Amino acid sequence: MTNAEQGWKALAVKHGLAERDVNQLVSWWHTDGDLGRTLECVNDMTESRVRGFSAFQSTPTSFFDLFDRLRAERLIPA
């Protein structure tokens, strides 16, 4: 991520965020691995449900809950 460090530091200062070092928040190698795949990744939860893991949280709710937590911890802007 070209210029990510400088850009994040400016954003953190502007919004009073708790972490000014973007490298403490992300792992670029992992993101590159996830987003750089040439194959689709398909997951199936059938086996988990067969074994009794039936509780779940919807994907949108998971993201909204995460963003609320990150805002509360001042890791992303409000």
PDB file of N, CA and C in Angstrom:
ATOM      1  N   MET A   1       0.852  -1.177   0.000  1.00  0.00           N
ATOM      2  CA  MET A   1       0.000   0.000   0.000  1.00  0.00           C
ATOM      3  C   MET A   1       0.890   1.230   0.000  1.00  0.00           C
ATOM      4  N   THR A   2       1.037   1.808  -1.153  1.00  0.00           N
ATOM      5  CA  THR A   2       1.877   2.984  -1.313  1.00  0.00           C
ATOM      6  C   THR A   2       1.321   4.148  -0.498  1.00  0.00           C
ATOM      7  N   ASN A   3       2.180   4.764   0.272  1.00  0.00           N
ATOM      8  CA  ASN A   3       1.843   5.935   1.091  1.00  0.00           C
ATOM      9  C   ASN A   3       0.807   5.660   2.177  1.00  0.00           C
ATOM     10  N   ALA A   4       0.563   4.411   2.509  1.00  0.00           N
ATOM     11  CA  ALA A   4      -0.441   4.093   3.535  1.00  0.00           C
ATOM     12  C   ALA A   4      -0.040   4.664   4.886  1.00  0.00           C
ATOM     13  N   GLU A   5       1.249   4.584   5.217  1.00  0.00           N
ATOM     14  CA  GLU A   5       1.683   5.054   6.530  1.00  0.00           C
ATOM     15  C   GLU A   5       1.433   6.543   6.710  1.00  0.00           C
ATOM     16  N   GLN A   6       1.822   7.341   5.705  1.00  0.00           N
ATOM     17  CA  GLN A   6       1.641   8.784   5.812  1.00  0.00           C
ATOM     18  C   GLN A   6       0.156   9.158   5.798  1.00  0.00           C
ATOM     19  N   GLY A   7      -0.591   8.517   4.914  1.00  0.00           N
ATOM     20  CA  GLY A   7      -2.023   8.809   4.817  1.00  0.00           C
ATOM     21  C   GLY A   7      -2.762   8.472   6.100  1.00  0.00           C
ATOM     22  N   TRP A   8      -2.460   7.290   6.675  1.00  0.00           N
ATOM     23  CA  TRP A   8      -3.137   6.893   7.909  1.00  0.00           C
ATOM     24  C   TRP A   8      -2.759   7.810   9.063  1.00  0.00           C
ATOM     25  N   LYS A   9      -1.476   8.164   9.161  1.00  0.00           N
ATOM     26  CA  LYS A   9      -1.042   9.036  10.260  1.00  0.00           C
ATOM     27  C   LYS A   9      -1.786  10.363  10.201  1.00  0.00           C
ATOM     28  N   ALA A  10      -1.934  10.942   9.016  1.00  0.00           N
ATOM     29  CA  ALA A  10      -2.672  12.196   8.865  1.00  0.00           C
ATOM     30  C   ALA A  10      -4.134  12.024   9.270  1.00  0.00           C
ATOM     31  N   LEU A  11      -4.741  10.924   8.860  1.00  0.00           N
ATOM     32  CA  LEU A  11      -6.132  10.641   9.217  1.00  0.00           C
ATOM     33  C   LEU A  11      -6.270  10.465  10.724  1.00  0.00           C
ATOM     34  N   ALA A  12      -5.323   9.745  11.329  1.00  0.00           N
ATOM     35  CA  ALA A  12      -5.365   9.503  12.774  1.00  0.00           C
ATOM     36  C   ALA A  12      -5.242  10.795  13.556  1.00  0.00           C
ATOM     37  N   VAL A  13      -4.353  11.664  13.115  1.00  0.00           N
ATOM     38  CA  VAL A  13      -4.193  12.958  13.787  1.00  0.00           C
ATOM     39  C   VAL A  13      -5.463  13.793  13.631  1.00  0.00           C
ATOM     40  N   LYS A  14      -5.986  13.863  12.420  1.00  0.00           N
ATOM     41  CA  LYS A  14      -7.181  14.665  12.131  1.00  0.00           C
ATOM     42  C   LYS A  14      -8.375  14.240  12.983  1.00  0.00           C
ATOM     43  N   HIS A  15      -8.542  12.905  13.166  1.00  0.00           N
ATOM     44  CA  HIS A  15      -9.722  12.382  13.864  1.00  0.00           C
ATOM     45  C   HIS A  15      -9.426  11.956  15.309  1.00  0.00           C
ATOM     46  N   GLY A  16      -8.202  12.178  15.769  1.00  0.00           N
ATOM     47  CA  GLY A  16      -7.854  11.819  17.149  1.00  0.00           C
ATOM     48  C   GLY A  16      -7.932  10.331  17.412  1.00  0.00           C
ATOM     49  N   LEU A  17      -7.476   9.521  16.452  1.00  0.00           N
ATOM     50  CA  LEU A  17      -7.562   8.075  16.596  1.00  0.00           C
ATOM     51  C   LEU A  17      -6.490   7.557  17.556  1.00  0.00           C
ATOM     52  N   ALA A  18      -6.740   6.393  18.123  1.00  0.00           N
ATOM     53  CA  ALA A  18      -5.865   5.825  19.143  1.00  0.00           C
ATOM     54  C   ALA A  18      -4.562   5.287  18.567  1.00  0.00           C
ATOM     55  N   GLU A  19      -4.549   4.849  17.322  1.00  0.00           N
ATOM     56  CA  GLU A  19      -3.346   4.250  16.732  1.00  0.00           C
ATOM     57  C   GLU A  19      -2.940   5.014  15.485  1.00  0.00           C
ATOM     58  N   ARG A  20      -1.742   5.570  15.516  1.00  0.00           N
ATOM     59  CA  ARG A  20      -1.253   6.343  14.372  1.00  0.00           C
ATOM     60  C   ARG A  20      -0.393   5.519  13.425  1.00  0.00           C
ATOM     61  N   ASP A  21       0.002   4.328  13.844  1.00  0.00           N
ATOM     62  CA  ASP A  21       0.831   3.458  13.007  1.00  0.00           C
ATOM     63  C   ASP A  21      -0.056   2.404  12.351  1.00  0.00           C
ATOM     64  N   VAL A  22      -0.330   2.579  11.069  1.00  0.00           N
ATOM     65  CA  VAL A  22      -1.229   1.675  10.361  1.00  0.00           C
ATOM     66  C   VAL A  22      -0.720   0.232  10.381  1.00  0.00           C
ATOM     67  N   ASN A  23       0.583   0.050  10.485  1.00  0.00           N
ATOM     68  CA  ASN A  23       1.140  -1.305  10.507  1.00  0.00           C
ATOM     69  C   ASN A  23       0.813  -2.057  11.792  1.00  0.00           C
ATOM     70  N   GLN A  24       0.325  -1.354  12.805  1.00  0.00           N
ATOM     71  CA  GLN A  24      -0.146  -2.007  14.026  1.00  0.00           C
ATOM     72  C   GLN A  24      -1.589  -2.488  13.881  1.00  0.00           C
ATOM     73  N   LEU A  25      -2.241  -2.052  12.814  1.00  0.00           N
ATOM     74  CA  LEU A  25      -3.653  -2.381  12.601  1.00  0.00           C
ATOM     75  C   LEU A  25      -3.887  -3.410  11.506  1.00  0.00           C
ATOM     76  N   VAL A  26      -2.946  -3.543  10.588  1.00  0.00           N
ATOM     77  CA  VAL A  26      -3.156  -4.407   9.426  1.00  0.00           C
ATOM     78  C   VAL A  26      -1.951  -5.308   9.189  1.00  0.00           C
ATOM     79  N   SER A  27      -2.191  -6.366   8.463  1.00  0.00           N
ATOM     80  CA  SER A  27      -1.103  -7.213   7.965  1.00  0.00           C
ATOM     81  C   SER A  27      -1.234  -7.241   6.447  1.00  0.00           C
ATOM     82  N   TRP A  28      -0.389  -6.456   5.785  1.00  0.00           N
ATOM     83  CA  TRP A  28      -0.498  -6.305   4.332  1.00  0.00           C
ATOM     84  C   TRP A  28      -0.347  -7.633   3.611  1.00  0.00           C
ATOM     85  N   TRP A  29       0.547  -8.516   4.095  1.00  0.00           N
ATOM     86  CA  TRP A  29       0.758  -9.802   3.416  1.00  0.00           C
ATOM     87  C   TRP A  29      -0.536 -10.623   3.418  1.00  0.00           C
ATOM     88  N   HIS A  30      -1.296 -10.547   4.504  1.00  0.00           N
ATOM     89  CA  HIS A  30      -2.536 -11.319   4.596  1.00  0.00           C
ATOM     90  C   HIS A  30      -3.590 -10.748   3.655  1.00  0.00           C
ATOM     91  N   THR A  31      -3.702  -9.427   3.628  1.00  0.00           N
ATOM     92  CA  THR A  31      -4.650  -8.775   2.720  1.00  0.00           C
ATOM     93  C   THR A  31      -4.303  -9.083   1.275  1.00  0.00           C
ATOM     94  N   ASP A  32      -3.018  -8.988   0.938  1.00  0.00           N
ATOM     95  CA  ASP A  32      -2.597  -9.321  -0.426  1.00  0.00           C
ATOM     96  C   ASP A  32      -2.970 -10.759  -0.777  1.00  0.00           C
ATOM     97  N   GLY A  33      -2.776 -11.668   0.177  1.00  0.00           N
ATOM     98  CA  GLY A  33      -3.122 -13.066  -0.053  1.00  0.00           C
ATOM     99  C   GLY A  33      -4.605 -13.258  -0.285  1.00  0.00           C
ATOM    100  N   ASP A  34      -5.423 -12.577   0.507  1.00  0.00           N
ATOM    101  CA  ASP A  34      -6.879 -12.711   0.362  1.00  0.00           C
ATOM    102  C   ASP A  34      -7.386 -12.079  -0.932  1.00  0.00           C
ATOM    103  N   LEU A  35      -6.907 -10.890  -1.230  1.00  0.00           N
ATOM    104  CA  LEU A  35      -7.433 -10.160  -2.381  1.00  0.00           C
ATOM    105  C   LEU A  35      -6.735 -10.512  -3.690  1.00  0.00           C
ATOM    106  N   GLY A  36      -5.593 -11.176  -3.605  1.00  0.00           N
ATOM    107  CA  GLY A  36      -4.837 -11.490  -4.806  1.00  0.00           C
ATOM    108  C   GLY A  36      -5.077 -12.884  -5.353  1.00  0.00           C
ATOM    109  N   ARG A  37      -6.062 -13.592  -4.798  1.00  0.00           N
ATOM    110  CA  ARG A  37      -6.347 -14.952  -5.267  1.00  0.00           C
ATOM    111  C   ARG A  37      -6.866 -14.941  -6.699  1.00  0.00           C
ATOM    112  N   THR A  38      -6.429 -15.914  -7.465  1.00  0.00           N
ATOM    113  CA  THR A  38      -6.963 -16.063  -8.820  1.00  0.00           C
ATOM    114  C   THR A  38      -8.100 -17.075  -8.853  1.00  0.00           C
ATOM    115  N   LEU A  39      -8.336 -17.764  -7.729  1.00  0.00           N
ATOM    116  CA  LEU A  39      -9.417 -18.739  -7.623  1.00  0.00           C
ATOM    117  C   LEU A  39     -10.463 -18.253  -6.632  1.00  0.00           C
ATOM    118  N   GLU A  40     -11.689 -18.602  -6.854  1.00  0.00           N
ATOM    119  CA  GLU A  40     -12.740 -18.289  -5.901  1.00  0.00           C
ATOM    120  C   GLU A  40     -12.629 -19.235  -4.712  1.00  0.00           C
ATOM    121  N   CYS A  41     -12.963 -18.736  -3.549  1.00  0.00           N
ATOM    122  CA  CYS A  41     -12.970 -19.544  -2.335  1.00  0.00           C
ATOM    123  C   CYS A  41     -14.426 -19.768  -1.944  1.00  0.00           C
ATOM    124  N   VAL A  42     -14.866 -21.015  -1.962  1.00  0.00           N
ATOM    125  CA  VAL A  42     -16.242 -21.352  -1.634  1.00  0.00           C
ATOM    126  C   VAL A  42     -16.241 -22.139  -0.324  1.00  0.00           C
ATOM    127  N   ASN A  43     -17.059 -21.703   0.609  1.00  0.00           N
ATOM    128  CA  ASN A  43     -17.151 -22.373   1.910  1.00  0.00           C
ATOM    129  C   ASN A  43     -18.550 -22.915   2.100  1.00  0.00           C
ATOM    130  N   ASP A  44     -18.639 -24.030   2.799  1.00  0.00           N
ATOM    131  CA  ASP A  44     -19.914 -24.677   3.055  1.00  0.00           C
ATOM    132  C   ASP A  44     -19.991 -24.976   4.553  1.00  0.00           C
ATOM    133  N   MET A  45     -21.035 -24.498   5.200  1.00  0.00           N
ATOM    134  CA  MET A  45     -21.196 -24.672   6.638  1.00  0.00           C
ATOM    135  C   MET A  45     -22.015 -25.910   6.999  1.00  0.00           C
ATOM    136  N   THR A  46     -22.351 -26.757   6.033  1.00  0.00           N
ATOM    137  CA  THR A  46     -23.189 -27.919   6.301  1.00  0.00           C
ATOM    138  C   THR A  46     -22.611 -28.807   7.385  1.00  0.00           C
ATOM    139  N   GLU A  47     -21.339 -29.154   7.299  1.00  0.00           N
ATOM    140  CA  GLU A  47     -20.727 -30.057   8.281  1.00  0.00           C
ATOM    141  C   GLU A  47     -20.770 -29.459   9.689  1.00  0.00           C
ATOM    142  N   SER A  48     -20.550 -28.180   9.809  1.00  0.00           N
ATOM    143  CA  SER A  48     -20.625 -27.529  11.119  1.00  0.00           C
ATOM    144  C   SER A  48     -22.041 -27.626  11.685  1.00  0.00           C
ATOM    145  N   ARG A  49     -23.029 -27.382  10.857  1.00  0.00           N
ATOM    146  CA  ARG A  49     -24.415 -27.452  11.327  1.00  0.00           C
ATOM    147  C   ARG A  49     -24.809 -28.880  11.697  1.00  0.00           C
ATOM    148  N   VAL A  50     -24.345 -29.857  10.919  1.00  0.00           N
ATOM    149  CA  VAL A  50     -24.610 -31.262  11.231  1.00  0.00           C
ATOM    150  C   VAL A  50     -24.046 -31.598  12.608  1.00  0.00           C
ATOM    151  N   ARG A  51     -22.928 -31.000  12.966  1.00  0.00           N
ATOM    152  CA  ARG A  51     -22.271 -31.266  14.259  1.00  0.00           C
ATOM    153  C   ARG A  51     -22.771 -30.362  15.377  1.00  0.00           C
ATOM    154  N   GLY A  52     -23.858 -29.618  15.116  1.00  0.00           N
ATOM    155  CA  GLY A  52     -24.515 -28.876  16.183  1.00  0.00           C
ATOM    156  C   GLY A  52     -24.212 -27.395  16.274  1.00  0.00           C
ATOM    157  N   PHE A  53     -23.393 -26.885  15.392  1.00  0.00           N
ATOM    158  CA  PHE A  53     -23.096 -25.453  15.414  1.00  0.00           C
ATOM    159  C   PHE A  53     -24.124 -24.725  14.559  1.00  0.00           C
ATOM    160  N   SER A  54     -25.267 -24.423  15.165  1.00  0.00           N
ATOM    161  CA  SER A  54     -26.354 -23.844  14.380  1.00  0.00           C
ATOM    162  C   SER A  54     -26.511 -22.334  14.583  1.00  0.00           C
ATOM    163  N   ALA A  55     -25.888 -21.774  15.611  1.00  0.00           N
ATOM    164  CA  ALA A  55     -26.000 -20.330  15.844  1.00  0.00           C
ATOM    165  C   ALA A  55     -25.157 -19.583  14.814  1.00  0.00           C
ATOM    166  N   PHE A  56     -25.608 -18.405  14.434  1.00  0.00           N
ATOM    167  CA  PHE A  56     -24.859 -17.616  13.466  1.00  0.00           C
ATOM    168  C   PHE A  56     -25.238 -16.151  13.627  1.00  0.00           C
ATOM    169  N   GLN A  57     -24.440 -15.294  13.063  1.00  0.00           N
ATOM    170  CA  GLN A  57     -24.734 -13.866  12.985  1.00  0.00           C
ATOM    171  C   GLN A  57     -24.683 -13.509  11.511  1.00  0.00           C
ATOM    172  N   SER A  58     -25.637 -12.724  11.066  1.00  0.00           N
ATOM    173  CA  SER A  58     -25.667 -12.362   9.651  1.00  0.00           C
ATOM    174  C   SER A  58     -24.415 -11.565   9.289  1.00  0.00           C
ATOM    175  N   THR A  59     -24.004 -11.666   8.043  1.00  0.00           N
ATOM    176  CA  THR A  59     -22.807 -10.961   7.585  1.00  0.00           C
ATOM    177  C   THR A  59     -22.921  -9.454   7.783  1.00  0.00           C
ATOM    178  N   PRO A  60     -24.017  -8.803   7.353  1.00  0.00           N
ATOM    179  CA  PRO A  60     -24.096  -7.355   7.588  1.00  0.00           C
ATOM    180  C   PRO A  60     -24.009  -7.000   9.076  1.00  0.00           C
ATOM    181  N   THR A  61     -24.686  -7.752   9.924  1.00  0.00           N
ATOM    182  CA  THR A  61     -24.638  -7.477  11.366  1.00  0.00           C
ATOM    183  C   THR A  61     -23.225  -7.632  11.898  1.00  0.00           C
ATOM    184  N   SER A  62     -22.514  -8.636  11.420  1.00  0.00           N
ATOM    185  CA  SER A  62     -21.125  -8.830  11.852  1.00  0.00           C
ATOM    186  C   SER A  62     -20.269  -7.621  11.520  1.00  0.00           C
ATOM    187  N   PHE A  63     -20.406  -7.105  10.306  1.00  0.00           N
ATOM    188  CA  PHE A  63     -19.633  -5.938   9.903  1.00  0.00           C
ATOM    189  C   PHE A  63     -20.037  -4.701  10.714  1.00  0.00           C
ATOM    190  N   PHE A  64     -21.338  -4.463  10.856  1.00  0.00           N
ATOM    191  CA  PHE A  64     -21.789  -3.280  11.597  1.00  0.00           C
ATOM    192  C   PHE A  64     -21.330  -3.339  13.050  1.00  0.00           C
ATOM    193  N   ASP A  65     -21.399  -4.516  13.671  1.00  0.00           N
ATOM    194  CA  ASP A  65     -20.924  -4.665  15.049  1.00  0.00           C
ATOM    195  C   ASP A  65     -19.425  -4.393  15.147  1.00  0.00           C
ATOM    196  N   LEU A  66     -18.674  -4.911  14.178  1.00  0.00           N
ATOM    197  CA  LEU A  66     -17.227  -4.683  14.172  1.00  0.00           C
ATOM    198  C   LEU A  66     -16.912  -3.204  14.021  1.00  0.00           C
ATOM    199  N   PHE A  67     -17.560  -2.523  13.078  1.00  0.00           N
ATOM    200  CA  PHE A  67     -17.292  -1.102  12.868  1.00  0.00           C
ATOM    201  C   PHE A  67     -17.683  -0.282  14.091  1.00  0.00           C
ATOM    202  N   ASP A  68     -18.788  -0.646  14.752  1.00  0.00           N
ATOM    203  CA  ASP A  68     -19.173   0.045  15.987  1.00  0.00           C
ATOM    204  C   ASP A  68     -18.091  -0.107  17.051  1.00  0.00           C
ATOM    205  N   ARG A  69     -17.544  -1.322  17.180  1.00  0.00           N
ATOM    206  CA  ARG A  69     -16.488  -1.565  18.168  1.00  0.00           C
ATOM    207  C   ARG A  69     -15.225  -0.791  17.824  1.00  0.00           C
ATOM    208  N   LEU A  70     -14.839  -0.801  16.539  1.00  0.00           N
ATOM    209  CA  LEU A  70     -13.641  -0.074  16.130  1.00  0.00           C
ATOM    210  C   LEU A  70     -13.802   1.429  16.343  1.00  0.00           C
ATOM    211  N   ARG A  71     -15.001   1.963  16.127  1.00  0.00           N
ATOM    212  CA  ARG A  71     -15.248   3.389  16.404  1.00  0.00           C
ATOM    213  C   ARG A  71     -15.161   3.659  17.899  1.00  0.00           C
ATOM    214  N   ALA A  72     -15.749   2.782  18.709  1.00  0.00           N
ATOM    215  CA  ALA A  72     -15.728   2.963  20.163  1.00  0.00           C
ATOM    216  C   ALA A  72     -14.294   2.931  20.706  1.00  0.00           C
ATOM    217  N   GLU A  73     -13.440   2.132  20.083  1.00  0.00           N
ATOM    218  CA  GLU A  73     -12.038   2.041  20.496  1.00  0.00           C
ATOM    219  C   GLU A  73     -11.164   3.101  19.838  1.00  0.00           C
ATOM    220  N   ARG A  74     -11.793   3.994  19.044  1.00  0.00           N
ATOM    221  CA  ARG A  74     -11.117   5.064  18.323  1.00  0.00           C
ATOM    222  C   ARG A  74     -10.024   4.537  17.397  1.00  0.00           C
ATOM    223  N   LEU A  75     -10.310   3.419  16.738  1.00  0.00           N
ATOM    224  CA  LEU A  75      -9.382   2.866  15.760  1.00  0.00           C
ATOM    225  C   LEU A  75      -9.760   3.247  14.335  1.00  0.00           C
ATOM    226  N   ILE A  76     -11.025   3.666  14.147  1.00  0.00           N
ATOM    227  CA  ILE A  76     -11.471   4.234  12.872  1.00  0.00           C
ATOM    228  C   ILE A  76     -12.283   5.483  13.188  1.00  0.00           C
ATOM    229  N   PRO A  77     -12.372   6.417  12.233  1.00  0.00           N
ATOM    230  CA  PRO A  77     -13.133   7.651  12.491  1.00  0.00           C
ATOM    231  C   PRO A  77     -14.622   7.374  12.670  1.00  0.00           C
ATOM    232  N   ALA A  78     -15.265   8.263  13.408  1.00  0.00           N
ATOM    233  CA  ALA A  78     -16.721   8.148  13.629  1.00  0.00           C
ATOM    234  C   ALA A  78     -17.469   8.518  12.366  1.00  0.00           C
TER     235      ALA A  78
END
